[in-house]
Amino acid sequence: MSARKKAQPPRPPVTLGGWKTRDGSRALVAASNPDAAAPAYWVGWKQSPRDGSWCPCSWHKCGAFARTTQSDDDLIRPWVDKPKPPEWDWSKTSPWHNWLVLGRSGERWWLYAEKPTWSERDQCWACMTQPHRVPDEFAPKWKGHPKDSFVERPAK
């Protein structure tokens, strides 16, 4: 019995701009060259996941780095910048609270004494200690996904 390859979701058509690569790095597609040899249809740069430097790169028309194999450099979807985390005045917060997050509903803010972790399965923040709700009148004015709301008290 042969093992079947898991079907990959269709890749969106490549356009100019920022793209996420298979390894999670950022790539910038700067131009297309329809007259170029196949692997250089799209040209641009890829950011190194190690040191943040940018290096020149090119891709096939479909966004693949190499035609025959999957590569960490393949373009898989448009890049989406995460929103900046909310601003919070830690000087007016109890000294034992060190983390602020937005709850699952996206409406209530919570302070934690221990560092919460994001649960992909439950789509919420989880912690062994009880959180404390931030009163609505003091809650940050911020819109975004709860997963991107994590704010840690800065070191003194």
C-alpha atoms as a PDB file:
ATOM      1  CA  MET A   1       0.000   0.000   0.000  1.00  0.00           C
ATOM      2  CA  SER A   2       1.503   3.313  -1.007  1.00  0.00           C
ATOM      3  CA  ALA A   3       1.413   6.319   1.244  1.00  0.00           C
ATOM      4  CA  ARG A   4      -0.569   9.186  -0.222  1.00  0.00           C
ATOM      5  CA  LYS A   5       0.727  12.698  -0.029  1.00  0.00           C
ATOM      6  CA  LYS A   6      -1.454  15.063   1.932  1.00  0.00           C
ATOM      7  CA  ALA A   7      -3.147  17.459  -0.482  1.00  0.00           C
ATOM      8  CA  GLN A   8      -1.794  20.980  -0.183  1.00  0.00           C
ATOM      9  CA  PRO A   9      -4.271  23.877  -0.164  1.00  0.00           C
ATOM     10  CA  PRO A  10      -4.151  25.902  -3.369  1.00  0.00           C
ATOM     11  CA  ARG A  11      -1.652  28.737  -3.287  1.00  0.00           C
ATOM     12  CA  PRO A  12      -3.073  32.186  -4.038  1.00  0.00           C
ATOM     13  CA  PRO A  13      -1.752  33.827  -7.230  1.00  0.00           C
ATOM     14  CA  VAL A  14       1.491  35.670  -6.575  1.00  0.00           C
ATOM     15  CA  THR A  15       1.354  39.467  -6.715  1.00  0.00           C
ATOM     16  CA  LEU A  16       3.817  42.228  -5.892  1.00  0.00           C
ATOM     17  CA  GLY A  17       4.298  42.931  -2.198  1.00  0.00           C
ATOM     18  CA  GLY A  18       4.981  41.034   1.013  1.00  0.00           C
ATOM     19  CA  TRP A  19       4.675  37.228   1.178  1.00  0.00           C
ATOM     20  CA  LYS A  20       5.091  34.583   3.858  1.00  0.00           C
ATOM     21  CA  THR A  21       7.426  31.730   2.939  1.00  0.00           C
ATOM     22  CA  ARG A  22       7.032  28.093   3.927  1.00  0.00           C
ATOM     23  CA  ASP A  23       9.515  28.563   6.820  1.00  0.00           C
ATOM     24  CA  GLY A  24       7.544  31.577   8.139  1.00  0.00           C
ATOM     25  CA  SER A  25       9.991  34.202   6.882  1.00  0.00           C
ATOM     26  CA  ARG A  26       8.988  37.375   5.106  1.00  0.00           C
ATOM     27  CA  ALA A  27       9.664  37.845   1.397  1.00  0.00           C
ATOM     28  CA  LEU A  28       9.181  40.950  -0.712  1.00  0.00           C
ATOM     29  CA  VAL A  29       8.235  40.381  -4.346  1.00  0.00           C
ATOM     30  CA  ALA A  30       9.430  43.476  -6.187  1.00  0.00           C
ATOM     31  CA  ALA A  31       8.929  42.721  -9.889  1.00  0.00           C
ATOM     32  CA  SER A  32       7.954  40.152 -12.475  1.00  0.00           C
ATOM     33  CA  ASN A  33       9.882  39.351 -15.617  1.00  0.00           C
ATOM     34  CA  PRO A  34       7.753  37.284 -18.027  1.00  0.00           C
ATOM     35  CA  ASP A  35      10.698  36.970 -20.451  1.00  0.00           C
ATOM     36  CA  ALA A  36      13.073  35.511 -17.844  1.00  0.00           C
ATOM     37  CA  ALA A  37      13.933  31.852 -17.446  1.00  0.00           C
ATOM     38  CA  ALA A  38      11.361  29.964 -15.341  1.00  0.00           C
ATOM     39  CA  PRO A  39      12.862  30.282 -11.866  1.00  0.00           C
ATOM     40  CA  ALA A  40      13.234  34.051 -12.210  1.00  0.00           C
ATOM     41  CA  TYR A  41       9.666  35.046 -13.136  1.00  0.00           C
ATOM     42  CA  TRP A  42       9.264  36.808  -9.773  1.00  0.00           C
ATOM     43  CA  VAL A  43      12.224  38.603  -8.202  1.00  0.00           C
ATOM     44  CA  GLY A  44      12.695  40.202  -4.817  1.00  0.00           C
ATOM     45  CA  TRP A  45      14.223  39.528  -1.421  1.00  0.00           C
ATOM     46  CA  LYS A  46      13.778  37.082   1.442  1.00  0.00           C
ATOM     47  CA  GLN A  47      14.451  37.975   5.058  1.00  0.00           C
ATOM     48  CA  SER A  48      16.723  35.610   6.969  1.00  0.00           C
ATOM     49  CA  PRO A  49      14.961  33.994   9.948  1.00  0.00           C
ATOM     50  CA  ARG A  50      18.331  33.916  11.757  1.00  0.00           C
ATOM     51  CA  ASP A  51      19.548  37.509  11.652  1.00  0.00           C
ATOM     52  CA  GLY A  52      16.873  39.541   9.838  1.00  0.00           C
ATOM     53  CA  SER A  53      19.116  40.387   6.879  1.00  0.00           C
ATOM     54  CA  TRP A  54      17.667  40.444   3.351  1.00  0.00           C
ATOM     55  CA  CYS A  55      19.023  38.442   0.427  1.00  0.00           C
ATOM     56  CA  PRO A  56      18.015  38.488  -3.264  1.00  0.00           C
ATOM     57  CA  CYS A  57      15.673  35.706  -4.311  1.00  0.00           C
ATOM     58  CA  SER A  58      13.590  34.617  -7.303  1.00  0.00           C
ATOM     59  CA  TRP A  59      10.609  32.338  -7.786  1.00  0.00           C
ATOM     60  CA  HIS A  60       8.686  30.501 -10.486  1.00  0.00           C
ATOM     61  CA  LYS A  61       5.436  32.075 -11.707  1.00  0.00           C
ATOM     62  CA  CYS A  62       3.474  29.898  -9.239  1.00  0.00           C
ATOM     63  CA  GLY A  63       5.562  31.125  -6.281  1.00  0.00           C
ATOM     64  CA  ALA A  64       7.638  27.963  -5.914  1.00  0.00           C
ATOM     65  CA  PHE A  65      11.345  28.431  -5.298  1.00  0.00           C
ATOM     66  CA  ALA A  66      12.190  25.063  -6.868  1.00  0.00           C
ATOM     67  CA  ARG A  67       9.873  23.407  -9.389  1.00  0.00           C
ATOM     68  CA  THR A  68      10.321  19.775  -8.308  1.00  0.00           C
ATOM     69  CA  THR A  69      10.467  19.889  -4.509  1.00  0.00           C
ATOM     70  CA  GLN A  70       8.957  21.866  -1.666  1.00  0.00           C
ATOM     71  CA  SER A  71      11.310  24.501  -0.328  1.00  0.00           C
ATOM     72  CA  ASP A  72      11.436  26.691   2.775  1.00  0.00           C
ATOM     73  CA  ASP A  73      11.644  29.588   0.292  1.00  0.00           C
ATOM     74  CA  ASP A  74       8.300  28.867  -1.452  1.00  0.00           C
ATOM     75  CA  LEU A  75       5.796  31.747  -1.306  1.00  0.00           C
ATOM     76  CA  ILE A  76       2.708  30.384   0.443  1.00  0.00           C
ATOM     77  CA  ARG A  77       0.448  33.358   1.238  1.00  0.00           C
ATOM     78  CA  PRO A  78       0.442  37.148   1.408  1.00  0.00           C
ATOM     79  CA  TRP A  79       2.215  38.598   4.433  1.00  0.00           C
ATOM     80  CA  VAL A  80      -0.023  40.118   7.109  1.00  0.00           C
ATOM     81  CA  ASP A  81       1.591  42.389   9.687  1.00  0.00           C
ATOM     82  CA  LYS A  82       0.441  41.742  13.220  1.00  0.00           C
ATOM     83  CA  PRO A  83      -1.022  44.800  14.931  1.00  0.00           C
ATOM     84  CA  LYS A  84       1.080  46.526  17.563  1.00  0.00           C
ATOM     85  CA  PRO A  85       0.133  45.296  21.028  1.00  0.00           C
ATOM     86  CA  PRO A  86      -1.962  47.672  23.103  1.00  0.00           C
ATOM     87  CA  GLU A  87      -0.334  50.327  25.253  1.00  0.00           C
ATOM     88  CA  TRP A  88      -0.787  49.929  28.981  1.00  0.00           C
ATOM     89  CA  ASP A  89       0.186  52.126  31.945  1.00  0.00           C
ATOM     90  CA  TRP A  90       1.949  49.644  34.211  1.00  0.00           C
ATOM     91  CA  SER A  91       2.564  52.327  36.859  1.00  0.00           C
ATOM     92  CA  LYS A  92      -1.143  52.100  37.774  1.00  0.00           C
ATOM     93  CA  THR A  93      -1.187  48.293  37.906  1.00  0.00           C
ATOM     94  CA  SER A  94      -0.722  46.065  40.941  1.00  0.00           C
ATOM     95  CA  PRO A  95       2.935  45.001  41.153  1.00  0.00           C
ATOM     96  CA  TRP A  96       2.041  41.286  41.062  1.00  0.00           C
ATOM     97  CA  HIS A  97       0.277  41.575  37.708  1.00  0.00           C
ATOM     98  CA  ASN A  98       2.796  41.225  34.897  1.00  0.00           C
ATOM     99  CA  TRP A  99       0.729  40.237  31.860  1.00  0.00           C
ATOM    100  CA  LEU A 100      -2.242  41.789  30.078  1.00  0.00           C
ATOM    101  CA  VAL A 101      -4.315  39.974  27.431  1.00  0.00           C
ATOM    102  CA  LEU A 102      -7.606  40.314  25.597  1.00  0.00           C
ATOM    103  CA  GLY A 103     -10.129  37.582  26.352  1.00  0.00           C
ATOM    104  CA  ARG A 104     -11.558  35.102  23.864  1.00  0.00           C
ATOM    105  CA  SER A 105     -14.637  37.233  23.106  1.00  0.00           C
ATOM    106  CA  GLY A 106     -12.465  40.194  22.149  1.00  0.00           C
ATOM    107  CA  GLU A 107     -14.372  42.401  24.605  1.00  0.00           C
ATOM    108  CA  ARG A 108     -12.777  41.949  28.041  1.00  0.00           C
ATOM    109  CA  TRP A 109      -9.197  42.519  29.163  1.00  0.00           C
ATOM    110  CA  TRP A 110      -7.479  40.404  31.820  1.00  0.00           C
ATOM    111  CA  LEU A 111      -4.417  40.822  34.044  1.00  0.00           C
ATOM    112  CA  TYR A 112      -2.379  37.793  35.106  1.00  0.00           C
ATOM    113  CA  ALA A 113       0.125  37.247  37.895  1.00  0.00           C
ATOM    114  CA  GLU A 114       1.619  34.259  36.022  1.00  0.00           C
ATOM    115  CA  LYS A 115       2.411  34.175  32.331  1.00  0.00           C
ATOM    116  CA  PRO A 116      -0.547  32.865  30.305  1.00  0.00           C
ATOM    117  CA  THR A 117      -0.100  30.765  27.167  1.00  0.00           C
ATOM    118  CA  TRP A 118      -2.205  30.807  24.027  1.00  0.00           C
ATOM    119  CA  SER A 119      -4.206  27.622  23.436  1.00  0.00           C
ATOM    120  CA  GLU A 120      -4.660  27.033  19.701  1.00  0.00           C
ATOM    121  CA  ARG A 121      -7.207  24.313  20.430  1.00  0.00           C
ATOM    122  CA  ASP A 122      -9.413  26.477  22.670  1.00  0.00           C
ATOM    123  CA  GLN A 123      -8.554  29.797  20.980  1.00  0.00           C
ATOM    124  CA  CYS A 124      -7.980  31.551  24.307  1.00  0.00           C
ATOM    125  CA  TRP A 125      -5.354  32.379  26.921  1.00  0.00           C
ATOM    126  CA  ALA A 126      -4.766  29.777  29.626  1.00  0.00           C
ATOM    127  CA  CYS A 127      -3.017  29.924  32.992  1.00  0.00           C
ATOM    128  CA  MET A 128      -3.029  27.974  36.250  1.00  0.00           C
ATOM    129  CA  THR A 129      -3.812  31.122  38.272  1.00  0.00           C
ATOM    130  CA  GLN A 130      -7.008  33.130  38.250  1.00  0.00           C
ATOM    131  CA  PRO A 131      -6.891  36.277  36.079  1.00  0.00           C
ATOM    132  CA  HIS A 132      -8.249  39.635  37.214  1.00  0.00           C
ATOM    133  CA  ARG A 133     -10.627  41.501  34.929  1.00  0.00           C
ATOM    134  CA  VAL A 134      -9.725  45.026  33.876  1.00  0.00           C
ATOM    135  CA  PRO A 135     -12.730  47.330  34.397  1.00  0.00           C
ATOM    136  CA  ASP A 136     -14.158  48.438  31.048  1.00  0.00           C
ATOM    137  CA  GLU A 137     -13.483  52.119  31.721  1.00  0.00           C
ATOM    138  CA  PHE A 138      -9.725  51.368  32.066  1.00  0.00           C
ATOM    139  CA  ALA A 139      -9.455  48.778  29.282  1.00  0.00           C
ATOM    140  CA  PRO A 140      -7.147  49.525  26.336  1.00  0.00           C
ATOM    141  CA  LYS A 141      -8.750  50.878  23.189  1.00  0.00           C
ATOM    142  CA  TRP A 142      -7.331  48.298  20.805  1.00  0.00           C
ATOM    143  CA  LYS A 143      -8.753  46.130  18.034  1.00  0.00           C
ATOM    144  CA  GLY A 144      -7.240  42.879  16.906  1.00  0.00           C
ATOM    145  CA  HIS A 145      -7.211  39.146  17.501  1.00  0.00           C
ATOM    146  CA  PRO A 146      -6.838  38.120  21.160  1.00  0.00           C
ATOM    147  CA  LYS A 147      -3.770  36.041  20.217  1.00  0.00           C
ATOM    148  CA  ASP A 148      -1.956  39.276  19.249  1.00  0.00           C
ATOM    149  CA  SER A 149      -2.921  41.176  22.430  1.00  0.00           C
ATOM    150  CA  PHE A 150      -0.240  39.797  24.773  1.00  0.00           C
ATOM    151  CA  VAL A 151       1.561  42.563  26.713  1.00  0.00           C
ATOM    152  CA  GLU A 152       4.270  41.874  29.281  1.00  0.00           C
ATOM    153  CA  ARG A 153       5.284  44.340  31.985  1.00  0.00           C
ATOM    154  CA  PRO A 154       8.609  45.886  30.921  1.00  0.00           C
ATOM    155  CA  ALA A 155      11.673  45.037  33.017  1.00  0.00           C
ATOM    156  CA  LYS A 156      12.646  47.800  35.425  1.00  0.00           C
END
